[in-house]
C-alpha atoms as a PDB file:
ATOM      1  CA  UNK A   1       0.030  18.094  -7.799  1.00  0.00           C
ATOM      2  CA  UNK A   2      -3.458  19.483  -7.138  1.00  0.00           C
ATOM      3  CA  UNK A   3      -5.868  18.840 -10.004  1.00  0.00           C
ATOM      4  CA  UNK A   4      -9.455  20.061 -10.329  1.00  0.00           C
ATOM      5  CA  UNK A   5     -11.684  17.636 -12.250  1.00  0.00           C
ATOM      6  CA  UNK A   6     -14.910  19.404 -13.174  1.00  0.00           C
ATOM      7  CA  UNK A   7     -17.497  17.367 -15.055  1.00  0.00           C
ATOM      8  CA  UNK A   8     -21.168  16.639 -14.532  1.00  0.00           C
ATOM      9  CA  UNK A   9     -20.582  12.919 -15.155  1.00  0.00           C
ATOM     10  CA  UNK A  10     -19.254  11.157 -12.056  1.00  0.00           C
ATOM     11  CA  UNK A  11     -18.009   8.149 -14.036  1.00  0.00           C
ATOM     12  CA  UNK A  12     -15.778  10.402 -16.170  1.00  0.00           C
ATOM     13  CA  UNK A  13     -14.359  12.159 -13.086  1.00  0.00           C
ATOM     14  CA  UNK A  14     -13.640   8.822 -11.429  1.00  0.00           C
ATOM     15  CA  UNK A  15     -11.974   7.381 -14.534  1.00  0.00           C
ATOM     16  CA  UNK A  16      -9.802  10.433 -15.055  1.00  0.00           C
ATOM     17  CA  UNK A  17      -8.821  10.294 -11.395  1.00  0.00           C
ATOM     18  CA  UNK A  18      -7.519   6.750 -11.937  1.00  0.00           C
ATOM     19  CA  UNK A  19      -5.497   7.924 -14.934  1.00  0.00           C
ATOM     20  CA  UNK A  20      -3.949  10.726 -12.858  1.00  0.00           C
ATOM     21  CA  UNK A  21      -2.899   8.256 -10.174  1.00  0.00           C
ATOM     22  CA  UNK A  22      -1.235   6.110 -12.833  1.00  0.00           C
ATOM     23  CA  UNK A  23       0.773   8.919 -14.454  1.00  0.00           C
ATOM     24  CA  UNK A  24       1.488  11.442 -11.689  1.00  0.00           C
ATOM     25  CA  UNK A  25       3.313  11.202  -8.389  1.00  0.00           C
ATOM     26  CA  UNK A  26       0.913  11.797  -5.509  1.00  0.00           C
ATOM     27  CA  UNK A  27      -1.871  13.632  -7.350  1.00  0.00           C
ATOM     28  CA  UNK A  28      -4.568  15.273  -5.273  1.00  0.00           C
ATOM     29  CA  UNK A  29      -7.751  15.228  -7.330  1.00  0.00           C
ATOM     30  CA  UNK A  30     -10.448  17.677  -6.312  1.00  0.00           C
ATOM     31  CA  UNK A  31     -13.782  16.952  -7.957  1.00  0.00           C
ATOM     32  CA  UNK A  32     -16.630  19.264  -8.881  1.00  0.00           C
ATOM     33  CA  UNK A  33     -19.885  17.986 -10.365  1.00  0.00           C
ATOM     34  CA  UNK A  34     -20.926  21.324 -11.794  1.00  0.00           C
ATOM     35  CA  UNK A  35     -19.775  24.721 -12.963  1.00  0.00           C
ATOM     36  CA  UNK A  36     -20.705  26.592  -9.781  1.00  0.00           C
ATOM     37  CA  UNK A  37     -18.744  24.127  -7.657  1.00  0.00           C
ATOM     38  CA  UNK A  38     -15.739  24.352  -9.977  1.00  0.00           C
ATOM     39  CA  UNK A  39     -15.707  28.154  -9.766  1.00  0.00           C
ATOM     40  CA  UNK A  40     -15.960  27.981  -5.980  1.00  0.00           C
ATOM     41  CA  UNK A  41     -12.988  25.616  -5.756  1.00  0.00           C
ATOM     42  CA  UNK A  42     -10.904  27.619  -8.246  1.00  0.00           C
ATOM     43  CA  UNK A  43     -11.576  30.840  -6.319  1.00  0.00           C
ATOM     44  CA  UNK A  44     -10.474  29.257  -3.033  1.00  0.00           C
ATOM     45  CA  UNK A  45      -7.300  29.974  -1.134  1.00  0.00           C
ATOM     46  CA  UNK A  46      -5.484  26.777  -2.132  1.00  0.00           C
ATOM     47  CA  UNK A  47      -3.793  27.024  -5.542  1.00  0.00           C
ATOM     48  CA  UNK A  48      -4.430  24.455  -8.269  1.00  0.00           C
ATOM     49  CA  UNK A  49      -1.785  23.095 -10.609  1.00  0.00           C
ATOM     50  CA  UNK A  50      -4.167  21.899 -13.327  1.00  0.00           C
ATOM     51  CA  UNK A  51      -7.868  22.228 -14.133  1.00  0.00           C
ATOM     52  CA  UNK A  52      -9.707  19.782 -16.404  1.00  0.00           C
ATOM     53  CA  UNK A  53     -13.127  21.273 -17.105  1.00  0.00           C
ATOM     54  CA  UNK A  54     -16.004  19.979 -19.216  1.00  0.00           C
ATOM     55  CA  UNK A  55     -17.132  22.815 -21.495  1.00  0.00           C
ATOM     56  CA  UNK A  56     -20.672  21.412 -21.744  1.00  0.00           C
ATOM     57  CA  UNK A  57     -21.785  21.364 -18.122  1.00  0.00           C
ATOM     58  CA  UNK A  58     -25.116  22.825 -17.042  1.00  0.00           C
ATOM     59  CA  UNK A  59     -24.915  26.543 -16.153  1.00  0.00           C
ATOM     60  CA  UNK A  60     -21.747  26.960 -18.237  1.00  0.00           C
ATOM     61  CA  UNK A  61     -21.417  28.784 -21.530  1.00  0.00           C
ATOM     62  CA  UNK A  62     -18.444  26.947 -23.032  1.00  0.00           C
ATOM     63  CA  UNK A  63     -15.269  28.996 -23.242  1.00  0.00           C
ATOM     64  CA  UNK A  64     -17.101  32.107 -21.996  1.00  0.00           C
ATOM     65  CA  UNK A  65     -17.630  30.320 -18.678  1.00  0.00           C
ATOM     66  CA  UNK A  66     -13.908  29.762 -18.277  1.00  0.00           C
ATOM     67  CA  UNK A  67     -13.135  33.403 -18.972  1.00  0.00           C
END
């Protein structure tokens, strides 16, 4: 399972990555430290199974940013 973890706090991304390893079989966590990086990864050629995105990152306008 390919999971995008997008949050501007590295400690949160790392902690959530550990949780994914504990509950999923062979998760592949892809991390983004900002909104622009998350959009770049999501627009890439490799599909994602799940995206966990912080709505309060710099350069992001909450739910409007996800749209």
